[in-house]
Amino acid sequence: MGEKLSLYELTSEHRLICDAIEEAGGEITPEIEAMLAINEENFLTKAEGYAEIIAKYTILAENAKTRKAQCERVQKVAENTVKRMKERIAQAMEEYNLPKVEIGMHKLSFRTSQQVEIIDEAKIPNIYIKVKTEVDKKALREDLKNGVIIEGATLKENKSLQIR
């Protein structure tokens, strides 16, 4: 059996593992895998350390998700503001018949582009229609649960560790 580590040593190891995981961008490298090796003697202590690492990164992920949502809201507000302001200035330039304006460091002008506008999708020839197919996993799961044998699919049971 391996050497039993003290709580201080396990705590230090815990910090080293966290640092290594962060430096590796969340990847579990062979070096990190070796650091994570578990033996019977320190399983409970290591399991607690693992739970602490998992809890830390769960909170980190949740915080990042919250910040991402906040940033997406800020992005949407900024993009909508730019869109509305561009529409207003374009409307004013058209009203005053100004195709080009130079104001300080800024040059305002119109650029012409083309965009396809669908008037009646039912009249578009099939060669221009894209069809996306996908498996209805919900219906497939129900039929497999009810004993229907479906070639190419099976029910797979997964286990996931819960930490509370």
C-alpha atoms as a PDB file:
ATOM      1  CA  MET A   1       0.000   0.000   0.000  1.00  0.00           C
ATOM      2  CA  GLY A   2       1.089   3.573  -0.634  1.00  0.00           C
ATOM      3  CA  GLU A   3       2.201   6.081   1.941  1.00  0.00           C
ATOM      4  CA  LYS A   4      -0.553   7.773   3.919  1.00  0.00           C
ATOM      5  CA  LEU A   5      -0.483  11.536   3.442  1.00  0.00           C
ATOM      6  CA  SER A   6      -1.142  14.031   6.212  1.00  0.00           C
ATOM      7  CA  LEU A   7      -4.056  16.441   5.934  1.00  0.00           C
ATOM      8  CA  TYR A   8      -1.574  19.279   5.324  1.00  0.00           C
ATOM      9  CA  GLU A   9       0.078  17.302   2.519  1.00  0.00           C
ATOM     10  CA  LEU A  10      -3.296  16.426   0.998  1.00  0.00           C
ATOM     11  CA  THR A  11      -4.375  20.083   1.199  1.00  0.00           C
ATOM     12  CA  SER A  12      -1.137  21.140  -0.507  1.00  0.00           C
ATOM     13  CA  GLU A  13      -1.678  18.451  -3.114  1.00  0.00           C
ATOM     14  CA  HIS A  14      -5.251  19.729  -3.554  1.00  0.00           C
ATOM     15  CA  ARG A  15      -3.917  23.238  -4.303  1.00  0.00           C
ATOM     16  CA  LEU A  16      -1.311  21.848  -6.699  1.00  0.00           C
ATOM     17  CA  ILE A  17      -3.984  19.871  -8.552  1.00  0.00           C
ATOM     18  CA  CYS A  18      -6.226  22.958  -8.841  1.00  0.00           C
ATOM     19  CA  ASP A  19      -3.317  25.031 -10.160  1.00  0.00           C
ATOM     20  CA  ALA A  20      -2.321  22.312 -12.626  1.00  0.00           C
ATOM     21  CA  ILE A  21      -5.909  21.932 -13.889  1.00  0.00           C
ATOM     22  CA  GLU A  22      -6.198  25.692 -14.401  1.00  0.00           C
ATOM     23  CA  GLU A  23      -2.832  25.868 -16.191  1.00  0.00           C
ATOM     24  CA  ALA A  24      -3.932  23.009 -18.460  1.00  0.00           C
ATOM     25  CA  GLY A  25      -7.170  24.810 -19.324  1.00  0.00           C
ATOM     26  CA  GLY A  26      -9.335  22.207 -17.608  1.00  0.00           C
ATOM     27  CA  GLU A  27      -7.691  19.256 -19.353  1.00  0.00           C
ATOM     28  CA  ILE A  28      -6.635  16.228 -17.314  1.00  0.00           C
ATOM     29  CA  THR A  29      -3.098  15.632 -18.563  1.00  0.00           C
ATOM     30  CA  PRO A  30      -1.138  12.441 -17.739  1.00  0.00           C
ATOM     31  CA  GLU A  31       0.749  14.440 -15.096  1.00  0.00           C
ATOM     32  CA  ILE A  32      -2.511  15.580 -13.492  1.00  0.00           C
ATOM     33  CA  GLU A  33      -3.855  12.025 -13.797  1.00  0.00           C
ATOM     34  CA  ALA A  34      -0.834  10.819 -11.803  1.00  0.00           C
ATOM     35  CA  MET A  35      -1.528  13.486  -9.160  1.00  0.00           C
ATOM     36  CA  LEU A  36      -5.116  12.279  -8.960  1.00  0.00           C
ATOM     37  CA  ALA A  37      -4.131   8.640  -8.372  1.00  0.00           C
ATOM     38  CA  ILE A  38      -6.087   7.203  -5.462  1.00  0.00           C
ATOM     39  CA  ASN A  39      -5.076   4.434  -3.091  1.00  0.00           C
ATOM     40  CA  GLU A  40      -7.158   2.778  -0.414  1.00  0.00           C
ATOM     41  CA  GLU A  41      -5.434   4.417   2.524  1.00  0.00           C
ATOM     42  CA  ASN A  42      -6.278   7.999   1.592  1.00  0.00           C
ATOM     43  CA  PHE A  43      -9.476   7.445  -0.378  1.00  0.00           C
ATOM     44  CA  LEU A  44     -11.831   9.284   1.988  1.00  0.00           C
ATOM     45  CA  THR A  45      -9.544  12.266   2.332  1.00  0.00           C
ATOM     46  CA  LYS A  46      -8.923  12.354  -1.399  1.00  0.00           C
ATOM     47  CA  ALA A  47     -12.649  11.939  -2.097  1.00  0.00           C
ATOM     48  CA  GLU A  48     -13.268  14.986   0.085  1.00  0.00           C
ATOM     49  CA  GLY A  49     -10.560  16.847  -1.833  1.00  0.00           C
ATOM     50  CA  TYR A  50     -12.157  15.824  -5.120  1.00  0.00           C
ATOM     51  CA  ALA A  51     -15.542  17.006  -3.861  1.00  0.00           C
ATOM     52  CA  GLU A  52     -13.972  20.351  -2.924  1.00  0.00           C
ATOM     53  CA  ILE A  53     -12.399  20.701  -6.379  1.00  0.00           C
ATOM     54  CA  ILE A  54     -15.701  19.743  -8.032  1.00  0.00           C
ATOM     55  CA  ALA A  55     -17.607  22.220  -5.837  1.00  0.00           C
ATOM     56  CA  LYS A  56     -15.082  24.972  -6.639  1.00  0.00           C
ATOM     57  CA  TYR A  57     -15.335  24.440 -10.392  1.00  0.00           C
ATOM     58  CA  THR A  58     -19.123  24.036 -10.252  1.00  0.00           C
ATOM     59  CA  ILE A  59     -19.394  27.459  -8.617  1.00  0.00           C
ATOM     60  CA  LEU A  60     -16.845  28.877 -11.063  1.00  0.00           C
ATOM     61  CA  ALA A  61     -18.855  27.518 -14.012  1.00  0.00           C
ATOM     62  CA  GLU A  62     -22.129  28.870 -12.587  1.00  0.00           C
ATOM     63  CA  ASN A  63     -20.553  32.302 -12.048  1.00  0.00           C
ATOM     64  CA  ALA A  64     -19.160  32.287 -15.582  1.00  0.00           C
ATOM     65  CA  LYS A  65     -22.589  31.315 -16.919  1.00  0.00           C
ATOM     66  CA  THR A  66     -24.180  34.211 -15.020  1.00  0.00           C
ATOM     67  CA  ARG A  67     -21.537  36.642 -16.285  1.00  0.00           C
ATOM     68  CA  LYS A  68     -21.989  35.306 -19.804  1.00  0.00           C
ATOM     69  CA  ALA A  69     -25.742  35.967 -19.606  1.00  0.00           C
ATOM     70  CA  GLN A  70     -25.052  39.473 -18.293  1.00  0.00           C
ATOM     71  CA  CYS A  71     -22.550  40.117 -21.083  1.00  0.00           C
ATOM     72  CA  GLU A  72     -25.033  38.817 -23.667  1.00  0.00           C
ATOM     73  CA  ARG A  73     -27.655  41.264 -22.327  1.00  0.00           C
ATOM     74  CA  VAL A  74     -25.150  44.130 -22.523  1.00  0.00           C
ATOM     75  CA  GLN A  75     -24.211  43.024 -26.051  1.00  0.00           C
ATOM     76  CA  LYS A  76     -27.859  42.935 -27.122  1.00  0.00           C
ATOM     77  CA  VAL A  77     -28.538  46.407 -25.699  1.00  0.00           C
ATOM     78  CA  ALA A  78     -25.416  47.790 -27.400  1.00  0.00           C
ATOM     79  CA  GLU A  79     -26.278  46.180 -30.757  1.00  0.00           C
ATOM     80  CA  ASN A  80     -29.888  47.413 -30.571  1.00  0.00           C
ATOM     81  CA  THR A  81     -28.704  50.926 -29.715  1.00  0.00           C
ATOM     82  CA  VAL A  82     -26.317  50.948 -32.670  1.00  0.00           C
ATOM     83  CA  LYS A  83     -29.033  49.620 -34.982  1.00  0.00           C
ATOM     84  CA  ARG A  84     -31.620  52.218 -33.887  1.00  0.00           C
ATOM     85  CA  MET A  85     -29.153  55.098 -34.074  1.00  0.00           C
ATOM     86  CA  LYS A  86     -27.969  54.012 -37.552  1.00  0.00           C
ATOM     87  CA  GLU A  87     -31.585  53.834 -38.706  1.00  0.00           C
ATOM     88  CA  ARG A  88     -32.273  57.351 -37.415  1.00  0.00           C
ATOM     89  CA  ILE A  89     -29.189  58.914 -38.957  1.00  0.00           C
ATOM     90  CA  ALA A  90     -29.820  57.101 -42.272  1.00  0.00           C
ATOM     91  CA  GLN A  91     -33.405  58.363 -42.258  1.00  0.00           C
ATOM     92  CA  ALA A  92     -32.194  61.932 -41.663  1.00  0.00           C
ATOM     93  CA  MET A  93     -29.536  61.683 -44.408  1.00  0.00           C
ATOM     94  CA  GLU A  94     -32.158  60.422 -46.867  1.00  0.00           C
ATOM     95  CA  GLU A  95     -34.610  63.125 -45.801  1.00  0.00           C
ATOM     96  CA  TYR A  96     -31.995  65.837 -46.411  1.00  0.00           C
ATOM     97  CA  ASN A  97     -30.707  64.067 -49.558  1.00  0.00           C
ATOM     98  CA  LEU A  98     -27.174  63.672 -48.189  1.00  0.00           C
ATOM     99  CA  PRO A  99     -25.537  60.556 -49.727  1.00  0.00           C
ATOM    100  CA  LYS A 100     -22.232  61.277 -47.937  1.00  0.00           C
ATOM    101  CA  VAL A 101     -21.332  63.309 -44.837  1.00  0.00           C
ATOM    102  CA  GLU A 102     -17.968  64.016 -43.196  1.00  0.00           C
ATOM    103  CA  ILE A 103     -18.215  65.049 -39.548  1.00  0.00           C
ATOM    104  CA  GLY A 104     -15.004  65.376 -37.552  1.00  0.00           C
ATOM    105  CA  MET A 105     -13.242  62.021 -37.672  1.00  0.00           C
ATOM    106  CA  HIS A 106     -16.277  60.203 -39.077  1.00  0.00           C
ATOM    107  CA  LYS A 107     -17.471  59.664 -42.623  1.00  0.00           C
ATOM    108  CA  LEU A 108     -21.087  58.644 -43.101  1.00  0.00           C
ATOM    109  CA  SER A 109     -22.208  57.182 -46.416  1.00  0.00           C
ATOM    110  CA  PHE A 110     -24.529  54.576 -47.874  1.00  0.00           C
ATOM    111  CA  ARG A 111     -23.341  51.260 -49.253  1.00  0.00           C
ATOM    112  CA  THR A 112     -25.517  49.325 -51.652  1.00  0.00           C
ATOM    113  CA  SER A 113     -25.957  45.571 -51.242  1.00  0.00           C
ATOM    114  CA  GLN A 114     -28.342  42.890 -52.415  1.00  0.00           C
ATOM    115  CA  GLN A 115     -30.425  40.537 -50.339  1.00  0.00           C
ATOM    116  CA  VAL A 116     -32.722  37.725 -51.400  1.00  0.00           C
ATOM    117  CA  GLU A 117     -36.280  38.352 -50.290  1.00  0.00           C
ATOM    118  CA  ILE A 118     -38.629  35.350 -50.225  1.00  0.00           C
ATOM    119  CA  ILE A 119     -42.110  36.414 -51.286  1.00  0.00           C
ATOM    120  CA  ASP A 120     -43.760  32.976 -51.393  1.00  0.00           C
ATOM    121  CA  GLU A 121     -41.660  30.033 -50.179  1.00  0.00           C
ATOM    122  CA  ALA A 122     -44.147  27.522 -51.623  1.00  0.00           C
ATOM    123  CA  LYS A 123     -43.267  28.678 -55.154  1.00  0.00           C
ATOM    124  CA  ILE A 124     -39.491  28.229 -54.743  1.00  0.00           C
ATOM    125  CA  PRO A 125     -38.187  25.212 -56.771  1.00  0.00           C
ATOM    126  CA  ASN A 126     -37.030  22.234 -54.700  1.00  0.00           C
ATOM    127  CA  ILE A 127     -33.408  22.587 -55.835  1.00  0.00           C
ATOM    128  CA  TYR A 128     -33.215  25.683 -53.598  1.00  0.00           C
ATOM    129  CA  ILE A 129     -34.764  24.034 -50.547  1.00  0.00           C
ATOM    130  CA  LYS A 130     -32.547  22.606 -47.787  1.00  0.00           C
ATOM    131  CA  VAL A 131     -34.029  19.845 -45.671  1.00  0.00           C
ATOM    132  CA  LYS A 132     -32.560  19.003 -42.287  1.00  0.00           C
ATOM    133  CA  THR A 133     -33.376  15.642 -40.777  1.00  0.00           C
ATOM    134  CA  GLU A 134     -32.800  14.721 -37.172  1.00  0.00           C
ATOM    135  CA  VAL A 135     -33.638  11.767 -34.964  1.00  0.00           C
ATOM    136  CA  ASP A 136     -36.593  12.200 -32.601  1.00  0.00           C
ATOM    137  CA  LYS A 137     -34.772  10.865 -29.545  1.00  0.00           C
ATOM    138  CA  LYS A 138     -37.744  11.387 -27.242  1.00  0.00           C
ATOM    139  CA  ALA A 139     -40.031   9.142 -29.325  1.00  0.00           C
ATOM    140  CA  LEU A 140     -37.169   6.699 -29.873  1.00  0.00           C
ATOM    141  CA  ARG A 141     -36.527   6.489 -26.099  1.00  0.00           C
ATOM    142  CA  GLU A 142     -40.217   5.828 -25.390  1.00  0.00           C
ATOM    143  CA  ASP A 143     -40.440   3.032 -27.958  1.00  0.00           C
ATOM    144  CA  LEU A 144     -37.211   1.427 -26.724  1.00  0.00           C
ATOM    145  CA  LYS A 145     -38.507   1.620 -23.124  1.00  0.00           C
ATOM    146  CA  ASN A 146     -41.703  -0.118 -24.281  1.00  0.00           C
ATOM    147  CA  GLY A 147     -39.700  -3.014 -25.706  1.00  0.00           C
ATOM    148  CA  VAL A 148     -39.770  -2.065 -29.382  1.00  0.00           C
ATOM    149  CA  ILE A 149     -36.646  -3.361 -31.107  1.00  0.00           C
ATOM    150  CA  ILE A 150     -35.187  -0.638 -33.298  1.00  0.00           C
ATOM    151  CA  GLU A 151     -32.166  -1.435 -35.434  1.00  0.00           C
ATOM    152  CA  GLY A 152     -29.455   1.182 -34.986  1.00  0.00           C
ATOM    153  CA  ALA A 153     -30.509   2.238 -31.491  1.00  0.00           C
ATOM    154  CA  THR A 154     -30.481   0.928 -27.962  1.00  0.00           C
ATOM    155  CA  LEU A 155     -31.046   2.287 -24.477  1.00  0.00           C
ATOM    156  CA  LYS A 156     -27.810   2.950 -22.648  1.00  0.00           C
ATOM    157  CA  GLU A 157     -27.812   3.378 -18.896  1.00  0.00           C
ATOM    158  CA  ASN A 158     -25.473   6.042 -17.559  1.00  0.00           C
ATOM    159  CA  LYS A 159     -24.369   6.748 -14.025  1.00  0.00           C
ATOM    160  CA  SER A 160     -23.419  10.181 -12.827  1.00  0.00           C
ATOM    161  CA  LEU A 161     -21.943  11.021  -9.487  1.00  0.00           C
ATOM    162  CA  GLN A 162     -24.002  13.400  -7.348  1.00  0.00           C
ATOM    163  CA  ILE A 163     -22.318  15.536  -4.736  1.00  0.00           C
ATOM    164  CA  ARG A 164     -24.463  17.342  -2.190  1.00  0.00           C
END
